Each structure stands twice: as structure tokens, then as C-alpha cells.
Amino acid sequence: MSQSNQSISVENLPTAKQLKAELKSIRYRRDFRKVLRNTVSSLLVVAAIAVLISMLFLPVLRVTGSSMTPTMQNDDLVICSKRSDFQSGDIVAFYYNNKILLKRVIATAGDVINIKEDGTVFVNGQALDEPYVSEKSFGECDIELPYQIPDNRIFVMGDHRSVSVDSRSSKVECIADEFIIGKVIFRIWPWESIGTV
């Protein structure tokens, strides 16, 4: 072999500055991939925790229909708190016929409820003060009144009494504890109505 074939051209060798720049670029790409991987992993963990919390402790529900107007409007988004100690006036979410309904607690186990023809509601002989109801109505009521609420159940009614199908109807009746999702505590949509319910 000739001497010229064995020699390497010095002109083709990278300079120290070019080598440093290339090493810096390789390190940057490696660090960037590592940061990206860590960021995506963190976001997935946060998303999974958020979904878990919302499913187990604070479900987010969308209001459909007009049975709770004027308190809640169609398409409002609300957050529920998983609880079981309900009081008259609380708004609860519960399962009914593969749907989730939102209604107001009127009476709890052991209470006696009566509804007059003009829509005035009495619990244990006392007329309820219901500022959340814009117009009283007897509505769809086919239960025998006065009515005593059975154990482990609540009596619910919608705020829009003339259109709401609720515990006044034998179709719905009183709601058993196992069907209750929780108490509606906060509205998150629309923006102008954000706040406690």
C-alpha cells in the first residue's frame, strides 16, 4: 500500500469546538427526552388521580332538563360530595332507571309529608319555607297523603314543581340510600354562576 492511501486527511477531522458542540447537542437531546418522558409520566399520574378523586369522592355531573329551575339550569356542571347525612333543602344526585337525577331533599326517614292542592308542602305538620321554588304546584302526585318516609330513604322533589317527576310519583317514590350518589355542593359551569349551590 502506498503512503498516501494510509494517511488521513487532517482537513476532514472535526475541530475541538465542533466536537464540543456535537456532544452538547447529544446531551441536550438526551436531557430533553428525559424531561419530556418525566413530564408526560407526571401528567398521566395527575390525570389518573384526578379521575379517581372525581369518581370516588367528588363526581362531576351535567344538569339535563328543567326540573330544578330556577336553582339549576340545563347544561350546568356541578360537583357532588359523597355523603349520606342529608337534610331538608339539600340537593342530591341519585340513580333512577339508568339515569342520574338531581332533586331537592324534602324529608328524611320517619318524617311525615303532606302536600296541599295549592302545592304547599308540610313536613311533620309544619309548612316548609321554600324560597327556591318560583311557583308551587301539586304536580304529578299519585301517592297517598299524608305519607311517612320509610327507613333509609329520602323524599325528594324538583324545584320546578309543575314539570318535575319525583317522590310524589309512584314511579320514582322515595330514594333508597344505595341509589344516592351524593350531595350537590358546587357549580363549576357556566362561569358567571360558579359557586356553592
Protein backbone atom coordinates (compact mmCIF):
# COMPACT_ATOMS: atom_id res chain seq x y z
CA MET A 1 0.00 0.00 0.00
CA SER A 2 1.21 3.42 -0.72
CA GLN A 3 1.80 6.00 1.96
CA SER A 4 -0.89 8.31 0.57
CA ASN A 5 -3.61 5.65 0.91
CA GLN A 6 -2.84 5.15 4.61
CA SER A 7 -2.83 8.78 5.61
CA ILE A 8 -5.97 10.51 6.84
CA SER A 9 -6.72 13.95 5.64
CA VAL A 10 -6.44 16.42 8.52
CA GLU A 11 -8.89 18.70 6.80
CA ASN A 12 -11.73 16.15 7.31
CA LEU A 13 -11.24 15.83 11.08
CA PRO A 14 -13.66 17.83 13.27
CA THR A 15 -12.24 20.55 15.41
CA ALA A 16 -12.42 20.51 19.20
CA LYS A 17 -15.09 23.21 19.03
CA GLN A 18 -17.22 21.10 16.66
CA LEU A 19 -16.82 18.04 18.92
CA LYS A 20 -17.93 20.05 21.95
CA ALA A 21 -20.93 21.39 20.05
CA GLU A 22 -21.91 17.88 18.92
CA LEU A 23 -21.56 16.49 22.47
CA LYS A 24 -23.62 19.38 23.79
CA SER A 25 -26.31 18.68 21.18
CA ILE A 26 -26.38 14.96 22.05
CA ARG A 27 -26.65 15.76 25.80
CA TYR A 28 -29.41 18.32 25.13
CA ARG A 29 -31.46 15.80 23.09
CA ARG A 30 -30.95 13.13 25.78
CA ASP A 31 -31.94 15.55 28.58
CA PHE A 32 -34.90 16.83 26.56
CA ARG A 33 -36.21 13.27 26.04
CA LYS A 34 -35.74 12.55 29.75
CA VAL A 35 -37.60 15.73 30.78
CA LEU A 36 -40.36 15.03 28.24
CA ARG A 37 -40.72 11.44 29.49
CA ASN A 38 -40.87 12.62 33.13
CA THR A 39 -43.37 15.39 32.29
CA VAL A 40 -45.69 13.00 30.41
CA SER A 41 -45.45 10.46 33.25
CA SER A 42 -46.27 13.15 35.83
CA LEU A 43 -49.23 14.40 33.79
CA LEU A 44 -50.60 10.87 33.43
CA VAL A 45 -50.31 10.28 37.18
CA VAL A 46 -52.04 13.62 37.95
CA ALA A 47 -54.80 12.86 35.41
CA ALA A 48 -55.32 9.38 36.87
CA ILE A 49 -55.51 10.78 40.42
CA ALA A 50 -57.96 13.49 39.29
CA VAL A 51 -60.20 10.90 37.61
CA LEU A 52 -60.02 8.65 40.67
CA ILE A 53 -60.90 11.52 43.03
CA SER A 54 -63.78 12.66 40.80
CA MET A 55 -65.19 9.14 40.55
CA LEU A 56 -64.79 8.18 44.19
CA PHE A 57 -65.16 11.40 46.15
CA LEU A 58 -66.29 14.38 44.04
CA PRO A 59 -68.24 13.29 40.95
CA VAL A 60 -68.84 15.99 38.31
CA LEU A 61 -72.35 15.90 36.82
CA ARG A 62 -74.11 17.74 34.00
CA VAL A 63 -77.65 19.01 34.61
CA THR A 64 -80.14 17.96 31.94
CA GLY A 65 -83.73 19.14 31.78
CA SER A 66 -85.65 21.82 33.64
CA SER A 67 -86.92 20.07 36.78
CA MET A 68 -84.52 22.04 39.03
CA THR A 69 -85.03 25.52 37.57
CA PRO A 70 -84.57 28.24 38.67
CA THR A 71 -81.87 26.85 41.00
CA MET A 72 -80.02 24.96 38.25
CA GLN A 73 -80.28 25.30 34.51
CA ASN A 74 -79.90 22.80 31.68
CA ASP A 75 -76.18 22.09 30.94
CA ASP A 76 -74.89 23.41 34.29
CA LEU A 77 -71.92 21.40 35.58
CA VAL A 78 -71.97 20.60 39.29
CA ILE A 79 -69.76 18.76 41.77
CA CYS A 80 -71.17 16.25 44.25
CA SER A 81 -69.80 15.30 47.64
CA LYS A 82 -70.14 11.64 48.56
CA ARG A 83 -72.20 11.86 51.77
CA SER A 84 -75.10 10.14 53.41
CA ASP A 85 -76.24 12.61 56.07
CA PHE A 86 -78.83 14.62 54.15
CA GLN A 87 -81.05 17.38 55.46
CA SER A 88 -84.16 19.01 54.12
CA GLY A 89 -83.13 21.54 51.47
CA ASP A 90 -80.02 19.67 50.24
CA ILE A 91 -79.84 18.88 46.53
CA VAL A 92 -78.86 15.28 45.86
CA ALA A 93 -77.89 13.20 42.84
CA PHE A 94 -79.20 9.66 42.58
CA TYR A 95 -79.61 6.81 40.11
CA TYR A 96 -83.03 6.19 38.61
CA ASN A 97 -83.70 3.95 35.59
CA ASN A 98 -80.07 4.07 34.37
CA LYS A 99 -80.09 7.87 34.61
CA ILE A 100 -78.78 10.29 37.19
CA LEU A 101 -81.37 12.71 38.55
CA LEU A 102 -80.88 15.81 40.68
CA LYS A 103 -83.63 16.73 43.16
CA ARG A 104 -84.04 18.53 46.48
CA VAL A 105 -84.41 16.64 49.76
CA ILE A 106 -87.78 17.49 51.29
CA ALA A 107 -87.99 14.93 54.09
CA THR A 108 -85.93 12.10 55.57
CA ALA A 109 -86.70 8.74 57.19
CA GLY A 110 -89.52 8.89 59.73
CA ASP A 111 -90.85 12.29 58.61
CA VAL A 112 -94.50 12.62 57.60
CA ILE A 113 -95.12 14.63 54.44
CA ASN A 114 -98.33 16.19 53.19
CA ILE A 115 -98.93 18.33 50.11
CA LYS A 116 -101.95 20.60 49.75
CA GLU A 117 -103.77 21.15 46.44
CA ASP A 118 -102.07 24.55 46.03
CA GLY A 119 -98.65 22.86 46.25
CA THR A 120 -97.76 23.89 49.81
CA VAL A 121 -95.59 21.18 51.36
CA PHE A 122 -95.90 20.21 55.02
CA VAL A 123 -93.35 18.09 56.88
CA ASN A 124 -94.41 16.83 60.31
CA GLY A 125 -97.28 19.33 60.27
CA GLN A 126 -95.08 22.38 59.53
CA ALA A 127 -95.32 24.23 56.21
CA LEU A 128 -91.93 24.38 54.50
CA ASP A 129 -90.40 27.75 53.69
CA GLU A 130 -89.22 27.16 50.11
CA PRO A 131 -87.62 30.30 48.66
CA TYR A 132 -86.03 28.19 45.90
CA VAL A 133 -89.46 27.39 44.38
CA SER A 134 -90.71 30.03 41.93
CA GLU A 135 -94.22 28.57 41.63
CA LYS A 136 -95.90 25.98 43.82
CA SER A 137 -97.72 23.12 42.17
CA PHE A 138 -99.28 19.84 43.26
CA GLY A 139 -97.70 18.31 40.14
CA GLU A 140 -97.71 14.62 39.29
CA CYS A 141 -98.70 13.19 42.66
CA ASP A 142 -100.29 9.75 42.91
CA ILE A 143 -99.11 8.67 46.37
CA GLU A 144 -101.48 8.52 49.32
CA LEU A 145 -101.03 11.57 51.54
CA PRO A 146 -100.07 12.10 54.30
CA TYR A 147 -97.09 9.84 53.66
CA GLN A 148 -94.45 8.64 56.14
CA ILE A 149 -90.92 8.26 54.79
CA PRO A 150 -89.61 4.68 55.27
CA ASP A 151 -86.27 3.91 56.95
CA ASN A 152 -83.08 4.53 54.94
CA ARG A 153 -84.92 6.61 52.34
CA ILE A 154 -85.41 10.26 51.47
CA PHE A 155 -88.32 12.10 49.87
CA VAL A 156 -87.19 14.37 47.00
CA MET A 157 -88.84 16.96 44.78
CA GLY A 158 -87.66 19.15 41.93
CA ASP A 159 -87.72 22.93 42.31
CA HIS A 160 -89.84 23.31 39.15
CA ARG A 161 -92.80 21.54 40.74
CA SER A 162 -95.17 21.53 37.77
CA VAL A 163 -92.80 19.55 35.49
CA SER A 164 -90.70 17.55 37.95
CA VAL A 165 -91.31 13.82 38.26
CA ASP A 166 -90.10 12.95 41.75
CA SER A 167 -91.06 11.20 45.01
CA ARG A 168 -94.64 12.44 44.59
CA SER A 169 -94.96 9.84 41.83
CA SER A 170 -95.19 6.10 42.49
CA LYS A 171 -92.80 5.70 39.52
CA VAL A 172 -89.95 7.30 41.47
CA GLU A 173 -91.04 7.01 45.13
CA CYS A 174 -88.63 7.66 47.98
CA ILE A 175 -84.95 7.20 47.19
CA ALA A 176 -83.08 4.39 48.94
CA ASP A 177 -79.62 5.14 50.36
CA GLU A 178 -77.86 2.74 47.96
CA PHE A 179 -79.03 4.74 44.92
CA ILE A 180 -77.79 8.10 46.19
CA ILE A 181 -74.54 9.41 44.66
CA GLY A 182 -74.14 12.40 46.96
CA LYS A 183 -74.99 15.99 47.77
CA VAL A 184 -74.56 18.69 45.11
CA ILE A 185 -72.17 21.23 46.65
CA PHE A 186 -70.69 23.41 43.90
CA ARG A 187 -71.48 24.68 40.38
CA ILE A 188 -68.43 24.89 38.07
CA TRP A 189 -70.19 25.91 34.84
CA PRO A 190 -71.29 28.36 33.47
CA TRP A 191 -68.56 30.79 34.57
CA GLU A 192 -70.98 33.51 35.61
CA SER A 193 -72.75 31.14 38.00
CA ILE A 194 -69.73 29.47 39.63
CA GLY A 195 -70.22 28.98 43.35
CA THR A 196 -71.91 26.91 46.00
CA VAL A 197 -75.35 25.55 45.28
